Amino acid sequence: MTDARRPPEVDRAAASRRAVAARRERAALKRDVATRVISPQELLRRALAEPHSPAGAMRVTEFLTALPAIGEGKRDRILADLEISPVKRLGGLGSRQRAELEEFLDGRCPEPRPRDGRSRLVVLAGPTAVGKGTVAAHIKAHHPEIHLSVSATTRAPRPGEVDGEHYFFVDDAEFDRLIATDALLEHATVHNAFRYGTPKAPIDAALREGRTVLLEIDLQGARQVRAAAPDANLVFLLPPSWDELVQRLVGRGTEDAEERARRLKTARVELASQGEFDHHVVNDDVARAAAEVAALAR
């Protein structure tokens, strides 16, 4: 005889699958916070907006230990200071608890605030495999009012690449000459291999014409541009999630396992630098991300 108080086997199996999926999504969100793909404030906002979502169901203890340099001991002290119970979930925080947790996060992990007086020189940077080149190419194709800077590089052209359009392909001697004559706005050795740099002359000419100039460069180059042109507008491109960034890098199939591991380690370091930038744009859709960068450029 069937016990009417017990849910049917199929219902229990479905509930179990939903629980497993929710745990996986919470784990992915914690990875995103730990790797700085999203800010803890953003995760808290999602939790408060949708209390029954995986973000809202995350316990505050899980949330805090996902933050860099917070272990269980420090977590417990923070909870005691904020007077938040360890069993609380993010979506169930009271108004006082929300306010105090937000204040704590703003003090520990401040979100970037755009600076005033930015110029028409826009720098687009981000972690490896995030899709900077694809977004920049979309801007070039659909926003002709924006001048896309062409970098010089010592690496050989890849199939389909055209000198002067995709890169200025130069040898080491010519690159040395560009450095010696102060003809580069920035330059760096990327991935311990080839050198890349941004020629000044085309940028200066475009700016004199009143055009916006977009530089798609790596983090080293972005820091050099910021030092040389403090009024540059800095935009950091983010992946939708850490798991998506890993998938993009693995899916490219252009690196071996050792190189992928090295680049993922580099990506973690690069993601940690996003606080140095004026704006963050998530590359969840190339056309949408390109439109957002173009709007910031204007």
C-alpha atoms as a PDB file:
ATOM      1  CA  MET A   1       0.000   0.000   0.000  1.00  0.00           C
ATOM      2  CA  THR A   2       1.376   3.423  -0.950  1.00  0.00           C
ATOM      3  CA  ASP A   3       2.060   5.873   1.865  1.00  0.00           C
ATOM      4  CA  ALA A   4       0.139   9.003   0.875  1.00  0.00           C
ATOM      5  CA  ARG A   5       2.434  11.112   3.061  1.00  0.00           C
ATOM      6  CA  ARG A   6       5.528  10.236   0.999  1.00  0.00           C
ATOM      7  CA  PRO A   7       6.105  12.109  -2.283  1.00  0.00           C
ATOM      8  CA  PRO A   8       6.215   9.901  -5.376  1.00  0.00           C
ATOM      9  CA  GLU A   9       9.628   8.564  -6.302  1.00  0.00           C
ATOM     10  CA  VAL A  10       9.725  10.669  -9.459  1.00  0.00           C
ATOM     11  CA  ASP A  11       9.081  13.860  -7.427  1.00  0.00           C
ATOM     12  CA  ARG A  12      11.873  13.037  -4.995  1.00  0.00           C
ATOM     13  CA  ALA A  13      14.262  12.355  -7.868  1.00  0.00           C
ATOM     14  CA  ALA A  14      13.388  15.676  -9.496  1.00  0.00           C
ATOM     15  CA  ALA A  15      13.825  17.505  -6.203  1.00  0.00           C
ATOM     16  CA  SER A  16      17.212  15.875  -5.747  1.00  0.00           C
ATOM     17  CA  ARG A  17      18.309  16.989  -9.209  1.00  0.00           C
ATOM     18  CA  ARG A  18      17.156  20.540  -8.487  1.00  0.00           C
ATOM     19  CA  ALA A  19      19.080  20.551  -5.208  1.00  0.00           C
ATOM     20  CA  VAL A  20      22.253  19.337  -6.916  1.00  0.00           C
ATOM     21  CA  ALA A  21      21.869  21.986  -9.638  1.00  0.00           C
ATOM     22  CA  ALA A  22      21.361  24.713  -7.025  1.00  0.00           C
ATOM     23  CA  ARG A  23      24.481  23.601  -5.117  1.00  0.00           C
ATOM     24  CA  ARG A  24      26.502  23.696  -8.326  1.00  0.00           C
ATOM     25  CA  GLU A  25      25.251  27.186  -9.141  1.00  0.00           C
ATOM     26  CA  ARG A  26      26.093  28.411  -5.648  1.00  0.00           C
ATOM     27  CA  ALA A  27      29.570  26.885  -6.008  1.00  0.00           C
ATOM     28  CA  ALA A  28      29.990  28.650  -9.369  1.00  0.00           C
ATOM     29  CA  LEU A  29      28.931  31.960  -7.811  1.00  0.00           C
ATOM     30  CA  LYS A  30      31.483  31.509  -5.029  1.00  0.00           C
ATOM     31  CA  ARG A  31      34.185  30.866  -7.646  1.00  0.00           C
ATOM     32  CA  ASP A  32      33.121  34.014  -9.459  1.00  0.00           C
ATOM     33  CA  VAL A  33      33.491  36.073  -6.282  1.00  0.00           C
ATOM     34  CA  ALA A  34      36.771  34.392  -5.316  1.00  0.00           C
ATOM     35  CA  THR A  35      38.249  35.085  -8.766  1.00  0.00           C
ATOM     36  CA  ARG A  36      36.723  38.611  -8.824  1.00  0.00           C
ATOM     37  CA  VAL A  37      34.646  37.929 -11.941  1.00  0.00           C
ATOM     38  CA  ILE A  38      31.832  39.554  -9.995  1.00  0.00           C
ATOM     39  CA  SER A  39      32.105  41.785  -6.951  1.00  0.00           C
ATOM     40  CA  PRO A  40      30.699  40.598  -3.624  1.00  0.00           C
ATOM     41  CA  GLN A  41      28.393  43.617  -3.758  1.00  0.00           C
ATOM     42  CA  GLU A  42      26.985  42.372  -7.072  1.00  0.00           C
ATOM     43  CA  LEU A  43      26.333  38.914  -5.625  1.00  0.00           C
ATOM     44  CA  LEU A  44      24.620  40.483  -2.627  1.00  0.00           C
ATOM     45  CA  ARG A  45      22.479  42.626  -4.942  1.00  0.00           C
ATOM     46  CA  ARG A  46      21.410  39.520  -6.866  1.00  0.00           C
ATOM     47  CA  ALA A  47      20.572  37.732  -3.622  1.00  0.00           C
ATOM     48  CA  LEU A  48      18.458  40.594  -2.312  1.00  0.00           C
ATOM     49  CA  ALA A  49      16.671  41.034  -5.653  1.00  0.00           C
ATOM     50  CA  GLU A  50      15.790  37.316  -5.856  1.00  0.00           C
ATOM     51  CA  PRO A  51      15.806  35.760  -2.360  1.00  0.00           C
ATOM     52  CA  HIS A  52      14.828  32.317  -3.712  1.00  0.00           C
ATOM     53  CA  SER A  53      17.596  32.200  -6.327  1.00  0.00           C
ATOM     54  CA  PRO A  54      20.852  30.259  -5.755  1.00  0.00           C
ATOM     55  CA  ALA A  55      22.453  33.575  -4.761  1.00  0.00           C
ATOM     56  CA  GLY A  56      19.667  34.282  -2.280  1.00  0.00           C
ATOM     57  CA  ALA A  57      19.905  30.751  -0.857  1.00  0.00           C
ATOM     58  CA  MET A  58      23.632  31.057  -0.177  1.00  0.00           C
ATOM     59  CA  ARG A  59      24.475  31.100   3.520  1.00  0.00           C
ATOM     60  CA  VAL A  60      26.317  34.196   4.681  1.00  0.00           C
ATOM     61  CA  THR A  61      29.085  31.912   5.973  1.00  0.00           C
ATOM     62  CA  GLU A  62      29.706  30.583   2.438  1.00  0.00           C
ATOM     63  CA  PHE A  63      29.589  34.092   1.056  1.00  0.00           C
ATOM     64  CA  LEU A  64      32.193  35.507   3.421  1.00  0.00           C
ATOM     65  CA  THR A  65      34.680  32.655   3.020  1.00  0.00           C
ATOM     66  CA  ALA A  66      34.517  33.154  -0.765  1.00  0.00           C
ATOM     67  CA  LEU A  67      36.106  36.576  -0.243  1.00  0.00           C
ATOM     68  CA  PRO A  68      39.911  36.718  -0.529  1.00  0.00           C
ATOM     69  CA  ALA A  69      41.857  36.279   2.734  1.00  0.00           C
ATOM     70  CA  ILE A  70      38.826  35.380   4.862  1.00  0.00           C
ATOM     71  CA  GLY A  71      39.036  32.030   6.620  1.00  0.00           C
ATOM     72  CA  GLU A  72      36.650  30.501   9.108  1.00  0.00           C
ATOM     73  CA  GLY A  73      38.106  32.314  12.138  1.00  0.00           C
ATOM     74  CA  LYS A  74      37.948  35.754  10.534  1.00  0.00           C
ATOM     75  CA  ARG A  75      34.516  34.932   9.114  1.00  0.00           C
ATOM     76  CA  ASP A  76      33.134  34.182  12.576  1.00  0.00           C
ATOM     77  CA  ARG A  77      34.567  37.425  13.981  1.00  0.00           C
ATOM     78  CA  ILE A  78      32.993  39.404  11.153  1.00  0.00           C
ATOM     79  CA  LEU A  79      29.606  37.777  11.730  1.00  0.00           C
ATOM     80  CA  ALA A  80      29.834  38.554  15.441  1.00  0.00           C
ATOM     81  CA  ASP A  81      30.742  42.188  14.733  1.00  0.00           C
ATOM     82  CA  LEU A  82      27.850  42.518  12.256  1.00  0.00           C
ATOM     83  CA  GLU A  83      25.483  40.612  14.567  1.00  0.00           C
ATOM     84  CA  ILE A  84      24.470  38.205  11.796  1.00  0.00           C
ATOM     85  CA  SER A  85      23.603  34.599  12.605  1.00  0.00           C
ATOM     86  CA  PRO A  86      25.743  31.977  10.807  1.00  0.00           C
ATOM     87  CA  VAL A  87      22.580  30.211   9.619  1.00  0.00           C
ATOM     88  CA  LYS A  88      21.313  33.288   7.788  1.00  0.00           C
ATOM     89  CA  ARG A  89      21.010  33.188   4.012  1.00  0.00           C
ATOM     90  CA  LEU A  90      21.851  36.229   1.902  1.00  0.00           C
ATOM     91  CA  GLY A  91      18.300  36.558   0.622  1.00  0.00           C
ATOM     92  CA  GLY A  92      16.919  36.523   4.158  1.00  0.00           C
ATOM     93  CA  LEU A  93      18.992  39.313   5.703  1.00  0.00           C
ATOM     94  CA  GLY A  94      17.103  42.031   7.542  1.00  0.00           C
ATOM     95  CA  SER A  95      17.420  45.691   6.555  1.00  0.00           C
ATOM     96  CA  ARG A  96      19.940  46.483   9.324  1.00  0.00           C
ATOM     97  CA  GLN A  97      22.009  43.402   8.490  1.00  0.00           C
ATOM     98  CA  ARG A  98      21.985  44.268   4.788  1.00  0.00           C
ATOM     99  CA  ALA A  99      23.158  47.808   5.461  1.00  0.00           C
ATOM    100  CA  GLU A 100      25.974  46.717   7.766  1.00  0.00           C
ATOM    101  CA  LEU A 101      27.132  43.965   5.408  1.00  0.00           C
ATOM    102  CA  GLU A 102      27.111  46.425   2.479  1.00  0.00           C
ATOM    103  CA  GLU A 103      29.153  48.907   4.540  1.00  0.00           C
ATOM    104  CA  PHE A 104      31.645  46.162   5.427  1.00  0.00           C
ATOM    105  CA  LEU A 105      31.990  45.122   1.759  1.00  0.00           C
ATOM    106  CA  ASP A 106      32.446  48.712   0.559  1.00  0.00           C
ATOM    107  CA  GLY A 107      35.262  49.144   3.057  1.00  0.00           C
ATOM    108  CA  ARG A 108      36.979  45.857   2.242  1.00  0.00           C
ATOM    109  CA  CYS A 109      36.292  45.504  -1.521  1.00  0.00           C
ATOM    110  CA  PRO A 110      35.419  48.970  -2.865  1.00  0.00           C
ATOM    111  CA  GLU A 111      33.817  48.988  -6.304  1.00  0.00           C
ATOM    112  CA  PRO A 112      35.389  51.265  -8.931  1.00  0.00           C
ATOM    113  CA  ARG A 113      34.031  54.765  -9.400  1.00  0.00           C
ATOM    114  CA  PRO A 114      34.497  56.459 -12.799  1.00  0.00           C
ATOM    115  CA  ARG A 115      36.854  59.440 -12.637  1.00  0.00           C
ATOM    116  CA  ASP A 116      35.849  62.852 -13.951  1.00  0.00           C
ATOM    117  CA  GLY A 117      37.452  64.547 -16.938  1.00  0.00           C
ATOM    118  CA  ARG A 118      38.160  61.483 -19.045  1.00  0.00           C
ATOM    119  CA  SER A 119      39.609  62.006 -22.527  1.00  0.00           C
ATOM    120  CA  ARG A 120      38.681  60.464 -25.889  1.00  0.00           C
ATOM    121  CA  LEU A 121      41.496  57.943 -25.449  1.00  0.00           C
ATOM    122  CA  VAL A 122      39.790  54.696 -24.382  1.00  0.00           C
ATOM    123  CA  VAL A 123      41.691  51.643 -23.156  1.00  0.00           C
ATOM    124  CA  LEU A 124      40.021  48.224 -23.352  1.00  0.00           C
ATOM    125  CA  ALA A 125      41.770  45.541 -21.300  1.00  0.00           C
ATOM    126  CA  GLY A 126      40.862  42.354 -19.456  1.00  0.00           C
ATOM    127  CA  PRO A 127      42.012  38.832 -18.678  1.00  0.00           C
ATOM    128  CA  THR A 128      43.301  36.413 -21.274  1.00  0.00           C
ATOM    129  CA  ALA A 129      40.599  34.740 -23.431  1.00  0.00           C
ATOM    130  CA  VAL A 130      37.906  37.209 -22.365  1.00  0.00           C
ATOM    131  CA  GLY A 131      37.342  38.268 -25.983  1.00  0.00           C
ATOM    132  CA  LYS A 132      38.922  41.741 -26.136  1.00  0.00           C
ATOM    133  CA  GLY A 133      39.918  41.307 -29.778  1.00  0.00           C
ATOM    134  CA  THR A 134      36.461  40.115 -30.817  1.00  0.00           C
ATOM    135  CA  VAL A 135      34.737  43.033 -29.083  1.00  0.00           C
ATOM    136  CA  ALA A 136      37.234  45.512 -30.561  1.00  0.00           C
ATOM    137  CA  ALA A 137      36.708  44.054 -34.056  1.00  0.00           C
ATOM    138  CA  HIS A 138      32.930  44.439 -33.665  1.00  0.00           C
ATOM    139  CA  ILE A 139      33.394  48.071 -32.656  1.00  0.00           C
ATOM    140  CA  LYS A 140      35.612  48.646 -35.687  1.00  0.00           C
ATOM    141  CA  ALA A 141      32.981  47.130 -38.006  1.00  0.00           C
ATOM    142  CA  HIS A 142      29.934  48.860 -36.522  1.00  0.00           C
ATOM    143  CA  HIS A 143      31.246  52.119 -35.051  1.00  0.00           C
ATOM    144  CA  PRO A 144      33.390  53.798 -37.728  1.00  0.00           C
ATOM    145  CA  GLU A 145      33.458  57.012 -35.701  1.00  0.00           C
ATOM    146  CA  ILE A 146      35.825  55.233 -33.268  1.00  0.00           C
ATOM    147  CA  HIS A 147      39.423  54.796 -34.409  1.00  0.00           C
ATOM    148  CA  LEU A 148      40.783  51.375 -33.415  1.00  0.00           C
ATOM    149  CA  SER A 149      44.500  51.601 -32.741  1.00  0.00           C
ATOM    150  CA  VAL A 150      46.741  49.084 -34.525  1.00  0.00           C
ATOM    151  CA  SER A 151      49.551  47.623 -32.426  1.00  0.00           C
ATOM    152  CA  ALA A 152      53.070  46.757 -33.509  1.00  0.00           C
ATOM    153  CA  THR A 153      54.278  43.234 -32.709  1.00  0.00           C
ATOM    154  CA  THR A 154      57.345  41.086 -33.182  1.00  0.00           C
ATOM    155  CA  ARG A 155      55.356  37.903 -33.700  1.00  0.00           C
ATOM    156  CA  ALA A 156      54.731  36.488 -37.176  1.00  0.00           C
ATOM    157  CA  PRO A 157      51.350  37.046 -38.887  1.00  0.00           C
ATOM    158  CA  ARG A 158      48.719  34.369 -38.390  1.00  0.00           C
ATOM    159  CA  PRO A 159      46.719  33.081 -41.368  1.00  0.00           C
ATOM    160  CA  GLY A 160      44.483  35.861 -42.676  1.00  0.00           C
ATOM    161  CA  GLU A 161      46.201  38.687 -40.792  1.00  0.00           C
ATOM    162  CA  VAL A 162      47.174  41.731 -42.855  1.00  0.00           C
ATOM    163  CA  ASP A 163      50.107  44.015 -42.030  1.00  0.00           C
ATOM    164  CA  GLY A 164      48.884  47.486 -41.096  1.00  0.00           C
ATOM    165  CA  GLU A 165      45.301  46.310 -40.608  1.00  0.00           C
ATOM    166  CA  HIS A 166      45.524  43.739 -37.841  1.00  0.00           C
ATOM    167  CA  TYR A 167      49.051  44.583 -36.624  1.00  0.00           C
ATOM    168  CA  PHE A 168      52.211  46.273 -37.790  1.00  0.00           C
ATOM    169  CA  PHE A 169      54.507  43.253 -38.033  1.00  0.00           C
ATOM    170  CA  VAL A 170      58.076  44.278 -37.266  1.00  0.00           C
ATOM    171  CA  ASP A 171      61.325  42.549 -36.347  1.00  0.00           C
ATOM    172  CA  ASP A 172      63.176  43.025 -33.063  1.00  0.00           C
ATOM    173  CA  ALA A 173      65.526  45.637 -34.498  1.00  0.00           C
ATOM    174  CA  GLU A 174      62.625  47.817 -35.663  1.00  0.00           C
ATOM    175  CA  PHE A 175      60.848  47.378 -32.333  1.00  0.00           C
ATOM    176  CA  ASP A 176      64.016  48.483 -30.543  1.00  0.00           C
ATOM    177  CA  ARG A 177      64.138  51.567 -32.807  1.00  0.00           C
ATOM    178  CA  LEU A 178      60.511  52.442 -31.960  1.00  0.00           C
ATOM    179  CA  ILE A 179      61.344  52.280 -28.255  1.00  0.00           C
ATOM    180  CA  ALA A 180      64.538  54.303 -28.632  1.00  0.00           C
ATOM    181  CA  THR A 181      62.760  57.093 -30.538  1.00  0.00           C
ATOM    182  CA  ASP A 182      59.877  57.242 -28.033  1.00  0.00           C
ATOM    183  CA  ALA A 183      57.459  56.306 -30.820  1.00  0.00           C
ATOM    184  CA  LEU A 184      55.388  53.949 -28.643  1.00  0.00           C
ATOM    185  CA  LEU A 185      52.739  54.967 -26.121  1.00  0.00           C
ATOM    186  CA  GLU A 186      53.208  51.635 -24.356  1.00  0.00           C
ATOM    187  CA  HIS A 187      54.960  48.341 -24.979  1.00  0.00           C
ATOM    188  CA  ALA A 188      55.306  44.999 -23.235  1.00  0.00           C
ATOM    189  CA  THR A 189      56.398  41.409 -23.649  1.00  0.00           C
ATOM    190  CA  VAL A 190      53.265  39.265 -23.585  1.00  0.00           C
ATOM    191  CA  HIS A 191      53.169  35.693 -22.232  1.00  0.00           C
ATOM    192  CA  ASN A 192      56.973  35.682 -22.058  1.00  0.00           C
ATOM    193  CA  ALA A 193      57.157  35.499 -25.823  1.00  0.00           C
ATOM    194  CA  PHE A 194      56.656  38.353 -28.296  1.00  0.00           C
ATOM    195  CA  ARG A 195      56.659  42.112 -27.850  1.00  0.00           C
ATOM    196  CA  TYR A 196      53.663  44.347 -28.519  1.00  0.00           C
ATOM    197  CA  GLY A 197      53.430  48.123 -28.548  1.00  0.00           C
ATOM    198  CA  THR A 198      51.111  50.986 -29.486  1.00  0.00           C
ATOM    199  CA  PRO A 199      52.499  53.530 -31.985  1.00  0.00           C
ATOM    200  CA  LYS A 200      51.848  57.122 -30.900  1.00  0.00           C
ATOM    201  CA  ALA A 201      51.609  58.872 -34.274  1.00  0.00           C
ATOM    202  CA  PRO A 202      48.267  57.403 -35.513  1.00  0.00           C
ATOM    203  CA  ILE A 203      46.682  58.016 -32.096  1.00  0.00           C
ATOM    204  CA  ASP A 204      47.816  61.628 -31.947  1.00  0.00           C
ATOM    205  CA  ALA A 205      46.531  62.218 -35.498  1.00  0.00           C
ATOM    206  CA  ALA A 206      43.080  60.742 -34.728  1.00  0.00           C
ATOM    207  CA  LEU A 207      42.747  62.737 -31.500  1.00  0.00           C
ATOM    208  CA  ARG A 208      43.666  65.955 -33.330  1.00  0.00           C
ATOM    209  CA  GLU A 209      40.823  65.202 -35.741  1.00  0.00           C
ATOM    210  CA  GLY A 210      38.437  65.024 -32.789  1.00  0.00           C
ATOM    211  CA  ARG A 211      37.917  61.257 -33.033  1.00  0.00           C
ATOM    212  CA  THR A 212      37.694  58.779 -30.175  1.00  0.00           C
ATOM    213  CA  VAL A 213      40.567  56.283 -30.112  1.00  0.00           C
ATOM    214  CA  LEU A 214      40.188  52.753 -28.757  1.00  0.00           C
ATOM    215  CA  LEU A 215      43.233  50.799 -27.587  1.00  0.00           C
ATOM    216  CA  GLU A 216      42.719  47.040 -27.130  1.00  0.00           C
ATOM    217  CA  ILE A 217      45.739  46.036 -25.046  1.00  0.00           C
ATOM    218  CA  ASP A 218      46.838  43.873 -22.129  1.00  0.00           C
ATOM    219  CA  LEU A 219      47.031  44.869 -18.472  1.00  0.00           C
ATOM    220  CA  GLN A 220      50.710  45.859 -18.612  1.00  0.00           C
ATOM    221  CA  GLY A 221      49.999  48.194 -21.494  1.00  0.00           C
ATOM    222  CA  ALA A 222      46.918  49.658 -19.817  1.00  0.00           C
ATOM    223  CA  ARG A 223      48.982  50.621 -16.786  1.00  0.00           C
ATOM    224  CA  GLN A 224      51.591  52.269 -18.973  1.00  0.00           C
ATOM    225  CA  VAL A 225      48.912  54.250 -20.827  1.00  0.00           C
ATOM    226  CA  ARG A 226      47.410  55.354 -17.522  1.00  0.00           C
ATOM    227  CA  ALA A 227      50.837  56.615 -16.425  1.00  0.00           C
ATOM    228  CA  ALA A 228      51.520  58.372 -19.754  1.00  0.00           C
ATOM    229  CA  ALA A 229      47.962  59.705 -20.198  1.00  0.00           C
ATOM    230  CA  PRO A 230      46.273  59.951 -16.771  1.00  0.00           C
ATOM    231  CA  ASP A 231      43.038  61.201 -18.357  1.00  0.00           C
ATOM    232  CA  ALA A 232      42.580  58.033 -20.471  1.00  0.00           C
ATOM    233  CA  ASN A 233      39.238  56.271 -20.017  1.00  0.00           C
ATOM    234  CA  LEU A 234      39.931  52.743 -18.731  1.00  0.00           C
ATOM    235  CA  VAL A 235      37.449  49.923 -19.475  1.00  0.00           C
ATOM    236  CA  PHE A 236      37.870  46.399 -18.078  1.00  0.00           C
ATOM    237  CA  LEU A 237      36.211  43.541 -19.973  1.00  0.00           C
ATOM    238  CA  LEU A 238      34.904  40.729 -17.769  1.00  0.00           C
ATOM    239  CA  PRO A 239      33.728  37.193 -18.622  1.00  0.00           C
ATOM    240  CA  PRO A 240      30.182  36.206 -17.600  1.00  0.00           C
ATOM    241  CA  SER A 241      31.692  33.734 -15.126  1.00  0.00           C
ATOM    242  CA  TRP A 242      34.975  32.070 -14.232  1.00  0.00           C
ATOM    243  CA  ASP A 243      33.727  28.762 -15.654  1.00  0.00           C
ATOM    244  CA  GLU A 244      32.945  30.493 -18.961  1.00  0.00           C
ATOM    245  CA  LEU A 245      36.442  32.002 -19.086  1.00  0.00           C
ATOM    246  CA  VAL A 246      37.969  28.555 -18.557  1.00  0.00           C
ATOM    247  CA  GLN A 247      35.733  27.118 -21.277  1.00  0.00           C
ATOM    248  CA  ARG A 248      36.705  29.857 -23.734  1.00  0.00           C
ATOM    249  CA  LEU A 249      40.390  29.246 -23.142  1.00  0.00           C
ATOM    250  CA  VAL A 250      40.106  25.465 -23.389  1.00  0.00           C
ATOM    251  CA  GLY A 251      37.764  25.699 -26.375  1.00  0.00           C
ATOM    252  CA  ARG A 252      40.221  27.747 -28.404  1.00  0.00           C
ATOM    253  CA  GLY A 253      42.480  24.702 -28.707  1.00  0.00           C
ATOM    254  CA  THR A 254      45.487  26.900 -29.464  1.00  0.00           C
ATOM    255  CA  GLU A 255      47.450  26.118 -26.281  1.00  0.00           C
ATOM    256  CA  ASP A 256      48.681  22.904 -24.676  1.00  0.00           C
ATOM    257  CA  ALA A 257      47.697  21.933 -21.120  1.00  0.00           C
ATOM    258  CA  GLU A 258      50.723  23.575 -19.520  1.00  0.00           C
ATOM    259  CA  GLU A 259      50.141  26.821 -21.392  1.00  0.00           C
ATOM    260  CA  ARG A 260      46.416  26.805 -20.498  1.00  0.00           C
ATOM    261  CA  ALA A 261      47.255  26.353 -16.822  1.00  0.00           C
ATOM    262  CA  ARG A 262      49.737  29.216 -16.975  1.00  0.00           C
ATOM    263  CA  ARG A 263      47.232  31.492 -18.696  1.00  0.00           C
ATOM    264  CA  LEU A 264      44.489  30.670 -16.194  1.00  0.00           C
ATOM    265  CA  LYS A 265      46.874  31.549 -13.382  1.00  0.00           C
ATOM    266  CA  THR A 266      47.615  34.815 -15.187  1.00  0.00           C
ATOM    267  CA  ALA A 267      43.887  35.430 -15.649  1.00  0.00           C
ATOM    268  CA  ARG A 268      43.332  35.234 -11.877  1.00  0.00           C
ATOM    269  CA  VAL A 269      45.973  37.899 -11.346  1.00  0.00           C
ATOM    270  CA  GLU A 270      44.538  40.036 -14.149  1.00  0.00           C
ATOM    271  CA  LEU A 271      41.006  39.827 -12.742  1.00  0.00           C
ATOM    272  CA  ALA A 272      42.300  41.087  -9.415  1.00  0.00           C
ATOM    273  CA  SER A 273      43.378  44.339 -11.127  1.00  0.00           C
ATOM    274  CA  GLN A 274      39.902  45.406 -12.262  1.00  0.00           C
ATOM    275  CA  GLY A 275      39.628  47.941  -9.449  1.00  0.00           C
ATOM    276  CA  GLU A 276      42.188  50.076 -11.319  1.00  0.00           C
ATOM    277  CA  PHE A 277      39.692  50.700 -14.140  1.00  0.00           C
ATOM    278  CA  ASP A 278      36.954  53.295 -14.554  1.00  0.00           C
ATOM    279  CA  HIS A 279      34.320  50.984 -16.023  1.00  0.00           C
ATOM    280  CA  HIS A 280      33.506  47.273 -16.125  1.00  0.00           C
ATOM    281  CA  VAL A 281      31.767  45.624 -19.085  1.00  0.00           C
ATOM    282  CA  VAL A 282      30.662  41.972 -19.093  1.00  0.00           C
ATOM    283  CA  ASN A 283      31.283  40.154 -22.375  1.00  0.00           C
ATOM    284  CA  ASP A 284      28.226  37.892 -22.258  1.00  0.00           C
ATOM    285  CA  ASP A 285      27.253  38.899 -25.802  1.00  0.00           C
ATOM    286  CA  VAL A 286      29.739  40.433 -28.228  1.00  0.00           C
ATOM    287  CA  ALA A 287      27.343  42.903 -29.863  1.00  0.00           C
ATOM    288  CA  ARG A 288      25.932  44.066 -26.531  1.00  0.00           C
ATOM    289  CA  ALA A 289      29.384  44.401 -24.933  1.00  0.00           C
ATOM    290  CA  ALA A 290      30.708  46.281 -27.979  1.00  0.00           C
ATOM    291  CA  ALA A 291      27.753  48.686 -27.858  1.00  0.00           C
ATOM    292  CA  GLU A 292      28.379  49.343 -24.167  1.00  0.00           C
ATOM    293  CA  VAL A 293      32.076  50.030 -24.725  1.00  0.00           C
ATOM    294  CA  ALA A 294      31.232  52.312 -27.651  1.00  0.00           C
ATOM    295  CA  ALA A 295      28.743  54.213 -25.491  1.00  0.00           C
ATOM    296  CA  LEU A 296      31.382  54.657 -22.773  1.00  0.00           C
ATOM    297  CA  ALA A 297      33.834  55.840 -25.418  1.00  0.00           C
ATOM    298  CA  ARG A 298      31.406  58.533 -26.538  1.00  0.00           C
END
